[in-house]
Amino acid sequence: MNSEQKELFQTLFGTYKKALLSRKETAGIIGVSVATLDRLKAQGIGVEYKKMDGKGKNGTVKYPLQAIVRYLTDNHVKTA
């Protein structure tokens, strides 16, 4: 984790006080709707996530704070 990522992690952890966040919390942090977050997940281009209980469609999805920080700091697209 670089210094930018550490600072962002500390800020977010200070706000949420937990290392695993809900879909709604994650969507708010990255600035998209929950539906868009779900669409990004389905396309395999969203934030890394964990299934907390069950397998298949019925598991609870949680987003590790470190994965959110990586997504925000490493997900840069170069334009032509």
N, C-alpha and C. Protein backbone atom coordinates (compact mmCIF):
# COMPACT_ATOMS: atom_id res chain seq x y z
N MET A 1 0.85 -1.17 0.00
CA MET A 1 0.00 0.00 0.00
C MET A 1 0.89 1.24 0.00
N ASN A 2 0.65 2.13 -0.95
CA ASN A 2 1.44 3.36 -0.98
C ASN A 2 0.84 4.39 -0.01
N SER A 3 1.48 5.55 0.09
CA SER A 3 1.03 6.54 1.08
C SER A 3 -0.37 7.08 0.76
N GLU A 4 -0.69 7.25 -0.53
CA GLU A 4 -2.03 7.71 -0.91
C GLU A 4 -3.08 6.69 -0.47
N GLN A 5 -2.80 5.42 -0.69
CA GLN A 5 -3.73 4.36 -0.31
C GLN A 5 -3.88 4.28 1.20
N LYS A 6 -2.78 4.40 1.93
CA LYS A 6 -2.83 4.35 3.39
C LYS A 6 -3.69 5.48 3.95
N GLU A 7 -3.50 6.67 3.41
CA GLU A 7 -4.27 7.82 3.87
C GLU A 7 -5.76 7.64 3.59
N LEU A 8 -6.09 7.18 2.40
CA LEU A 8 -7.49 6.95 2.05
C LEU A 8 -8.09 5.85 2.92
N PHE A 9 -7.34 4.77 3.15
CA PHE A 9 -7.82 3.69 4.00
C PHE A 9 -8.12 4.21 5.41
N GLN A 10 -7.20 4.97 5.96
CA GLN A 10 -7.39 5.51 7.32
C GLN A 10 -8.61 6.42 7.39
N THR A 11 -8.80 7.24 6.37
CA THR A 11 -9.95 8.14 6.33
C THR A 11 -11.26 7.35 6.28
N LEU A 12 -11.31 6.37 5.37
CA LEU A 12 -12.53 5.56 5.24
C LEU A 12 -12.79 4.71 6.47
N PHE A 13 -11.73 4.12 7.03
CA PHE A 13 -11.90 3.32 8.24
C PHE A 13 -12.37 4.19 9.40
N GLY A 14 -11.85 5.40 9.47
CA GLY A 14 -12.29 6.32 10.51
C GLY A 14 -13.76 6.67 10.40
N THR A 15 -14.26 6.70 9.17
CA THR A 15 -15.66 7.02 8.92
C THR A 15 -16.56 5.82 9.18
N TYR A 16 -16.19 4.66 8.65
CA TYR A 16 -17.07 3.48 8.69
C TYR A 16 -16.79 2.53 9.86
N LYS A 17 -15.63 2.60 10.46
CA LYS A 17 -15.27 1.81 11.64
C LYS A 17 -15.36 0.30 11.42
N LYS A 18 -15.16 -0.15 10.17
CA LYS A 18 -15.17 -1.58 9.87
C LYS A 18 -14.41 -1.81 8.58
N ALA A 19 -13.96 -3.05 8.40
CA ALA A 19 -13.13 -3.38 7.24
C ALA A 19 -13.92 -3.98 6.09
N LEU A 20 -15.16 -4.39 6.32
CA LEU A 20 -16.02 -4.93 5.27
C LEU A 20 -17.27 -4.06 5.16
N LEU A 21 -17.54 -3.59 3.95
CA LEU A 21 -18.65 -2.66 3.76
C LEU A 21 -19.76 -3.28 2.91
N SER A 22 -20.94 -2.75 3.08
CA SER A 22 -22.10 -3.21 2.33
C SER A 22 -22.07 -2.69 0.89
N ARG A 23 -22.98 -3.20 0.08
CA ARG A 23 -23.12 -2.73 -1.30
C ARG A 23 -23.45 -1.24 -1.32
N LYS A 24 -24.38 -0.84 -0.49
CA LYS A 24 -24.81 0.56 -0.46
C LYS A 24 -23.66 1.49 -0.05
N GLU A 25 -22.92 1.11 0.99
CA GLU A 25 -21.79 1.91 1.44
C GLU A 25 -20.73 2.02 0.35
N THR A 26 -20.42 0.88 -0.28
CA THR A 26 -19.41 0.85 -1.33
C THR A 26 -19.82 1.70 -2.52
N ALA A 27 -21.06 1.56 -2.94
CA ALA A 27 -21.56 2.36 -4.06
C ALA A 27 -21.42 3.85 -3.75
N GLY A 28 -21.74 4.24 -2.53
CA GLY A 28 -21.62 5.65 -2.15
C GLY A 28 -20.18 6.14 -2.20
N ILE A 29 -19.26 5.30 -1.77
CA ILE A 29 -17.85 5.69 -1.76
C ILE A 29 -17.31 5.88 -3.17
N ILE A 30 -17.67 4.96 -4.07
CA ILE A 30 -17.11 5.08 -5.42
C ILE A 30 -17.97 5.96 -6.33
N GLY A 31 -19.10 6.43 -5.81
CA GLY A 31 -19.90 7.41 -6.54
C GLY A 31 -20.79 6.85 -7.62
N VAL A 32 -21.33 5.64 -7.39
CA VAL A 32 -22.26 5.05 -8.35
C VAL A 32 -23.49 4.54 -7.59
N SER A 33 -24.52 4.17 -8.32
CA SER A 33 -25.69 3.57 -7.68
C SER A 33 -25.40 2.12 -7.34
N VAL A 34 -26.21 1.54 -6.49
CA VAL A 34 -26.06 0.12 -6.16
C VAL A 34 -26.26 -0.73 -7.42
N ALA A 35 -27.20 -0.33 -8.27
CA ALA A 35 -27.43 -1.07 -9.52
C ALA A 35 -26.19 -1.06 -10.41
N THR A 36 -25.52 0.09 -10.48
CA THR A 36 -24.29 0.17 -11.28
C THR A 36 -23.19 -0.66 -10.64
N LEU A 37 -23.08 -0.62 -9.33
CA LEU A 37 -22.09 -1.45 -8.64
C LEU A 37 -22.33 -2.93 -8.95
N ASP A 38 -23.58 -3.36 -8.92
CA ASP A 38 -23.92 -4.74 -9.24
C ASP A 38 -23.58 -5.07 -10.70
N ARG A 39 -23.82 -4.13 -11.59
CA ARG A 39 -23.52 -4.33 -13.01
C ARG A 39 -22.01 -4.46 -13.23
N LEU A 40 -21.23 -3.61 -12.56
CA LEU A 40 -19.78 -3.70 -12.65
C LEU A 40 -19.28 -5.04 -12.13
N LYS A 41 -19.88 -5.50 -11.05
CA LYS A 41 -19.52 -6.81 -10.48
C LYS A 41 -19.81 -7.92 -11.47
N ALA A 42 -20.97 -7.87 -12.09
CA ALA A 42 -21.38 -8.90 -13.06
C ALA A 42 -20.46 -8.90 -14.29
N GLN A 43 -19.96 -7.73 -14.66
CA GLN A 43 -19.06 -7.61 -15.81
C GLN A 43 -17.61 -7.95 -15.46
N GLY A 44 -17.35 -8.14 -14.17
CA GLY A 44 -15.99 -8.48 -13.73
C GLY A 44 -15.03 -7.30 -13.73
N ILE A 45 -15.56 -6.08 -13.69
CA ILE A 45 -14.69 -4.90 -13.72
C ILE A 45 -14.89 -4.00 -12.49
N GLY A 46 -15.62 -4.48 -11.52
CA GLY A 46 -15.91 -3.68 -10.33
C GLY A 46 -14.92 -3.95 -9.22
N VAL A 47 -15.29 -3.51 -8.06
CA VAL A 47 -14.50 -3.69 -6.84
C VAL A 47 -14.50 -5.16 -6.45
N GLU A 48 -13.34 -5.68 -6.03
CA GLU A 48 -13.27 -7.05 -5.53
C GLU A 48 -14.22 -7.19 -4.34
N TYR A 49 -14.84 -8.36 -4.21
CA TYR A 49 -15.82 -8.56 -3.15
C TYR A 49 -15.67 -9.94 -2.54
N LYS A 50 -16.36 -10.15 -1.44
CA LYS A 50 -16.40 -11.45 -0.75
C LYS A 50 -17.84 -11.88 -0.59
N LYS A 51 -18.10 -13.16 -0.77
CA LYS A 51 -19.41 -13.74 -0.45
C LYS A 51 -19.31 -14.26 0.98
N MET A 52 -20.13 -13.74 1.84
CA MET A 52 -20.00 -14.03 3.26
C MET A 52 -20.73 -15.28 3.71
N ASP A 53 -21.83 -15.62 3.09
CA ASP A 53 -22.57 -16.81 3.49
C ASP A 53 -23.25 -17.38 2.25
N GLY A 54 -23.21 -18.66 2.13
CA GLY A 54 -23.85 -19.29 0.99
C GLY A 54 -23.03 -19.15 -0.27
N LYS A 55 -23.42 -19.91 -1.26
CA LYS A 55 -22.76 -19.86 -2.56
C LYS A 55 -23.81 -19.57 -3.60
N GLY A 56 -23.38 -19.24 -4.79
CA GLY A 56 -24.33 -18.94 -5.83
C GLY A 56 -24.91 -17.55 -5.63
N LYS A 57 -26.16 -17.39 -6.01
CA LYS A 57 -26.79 -16.06 -5.97
C LYS A 57 -27.18 -15.59 -4.58
N ASN A 58 -27.27 -16.48 -3.61
CA ASN A 58 -27.86 -16.12 -2.32
C ASN A 58 -26.89 -15.64 -1.26
N GLY A 59 -25.59 -15.58 -1.54
CA GLY A 59 -24.64 -15.14 -0.52
C GLY A 59 -24.67 -13.63 -0.34
N THR A 60 -24.35 -13.19 0.87
CA THR A 60 -24.26 -11.76 1.16
C THR A 60 -22.93 -11.24 0.63
N VAL A 61 -22.98 -10.19 -0.15
CA VAL A 61 -21.77 -9.60 -0.73
C VAL A 61 -21.28 -8.48 0.18
N LYS A 62 -19.99 -8.54 0.51
CA LYS A 62 -19.33 -7.49 1.28
C LYS A 62 -18.08 -7.07 0.53
N TYR A 63 -17.73 -5.82 0.67
CA TYR A 63 -16.58 -5.27 -0.02
C TYR A 63 -15.49 -4.90 0.99
N PRO A 64 -14.31 -5.55 0.89
CA PRO A 64 -13.21 -5.19 1.78
C PRO A 64 -12.76 -3.75 1.54
N LEU A 65 -12.52 -3.03 2.60
CA LEU A 65 -12.10 -1.64 2.50
C LEU A 65 -10.82 -1.51 1.68
N GLN A 66 -9.89 -2.45 1.85
CA GLN A 66 -8.65 -2.40 1.07
C GLN A 66 -8.93 -2.52 -0.43
N ALA A 67 -9.91 -3.34 -0.81
CA ALA A 67 -10.26 -3.51 -2.22
C ALA A 67 -10.86 -2.23 -2.78
N ILE A 68 -11.66 -1.55 -1.97
CA ILE A 68 -12.25 -0.27 -2.40
C ILE A 68 -11.14 0.76 -2.62
N VAL A 69 -10.20 0.82 -1.70
CA VAL A 69 -9.08 1.76 -1.82
C VAL A 69 -8.28 1.45 -3.09
N ARG A 70 -7.98 0.18 -3.33
CA ARG A 70 -7.25 -0.20 -4.56
C ARG A 70 -8.03 0.21 -5.80
N TYR A 71 -9.33 -0.04 -5.80
CA TYR A 71 -10.17 0.30 -6.95
C TYR A 71 -10.11 1.81 -7.22
N LEU A 72 -10.19 2.61 -6.18
CA LEU A 72 -10.19 4.06 -6.35
C LEU A 72 -8.83 4.61 -6.77
N THR A 73 -7.76 3.96 -6.35
CA THR A 73 -6.44 4.51 -6.62
C THR A 73 -5.73 3.84 -7.80
N ASP A 74 -6.13 2.64 -8.18
CA ASP A 74 -5.45 1.93 -9.25
C ASP A 74 -6.27 1.85 -10.54
N ASN A 75 -7.52 2.23 -10.50
CA ASN A 75 -8.42 2.06 -11.63
C ASN A 75 -8.41 3.30 -12.53
N HIS A 76 -7.28 3.50 -13.20
CA HIS A 76 -7.15 4.66 -14.07
C HIS A 76 -7.18 4.21 -15.52
N VAL A 77 -7.89 4.95 -16.34
CA VAL A 77 -8.00 4.64 -17.77
C VAL A 77 -7.31 5.75 -18.55
N LYS A 78 -6.43 5.34 -19.45
CA LYS A 78 -5.76 6.32 -20.30
C LYS A 78 -6.63 6.57 -21.53
N THR A 79 -6.76 7.82 -21.88
CA THR A 79 -7.51 8.17 -23.07
C THR A 79 -6.54 8.52 -24.20
N ALA A 80 -7.03 8.43 -25.39
CA ALA A 80 -6.17 8.67 -26.56
C ALA A 80 -5.81 10.12 -26.73
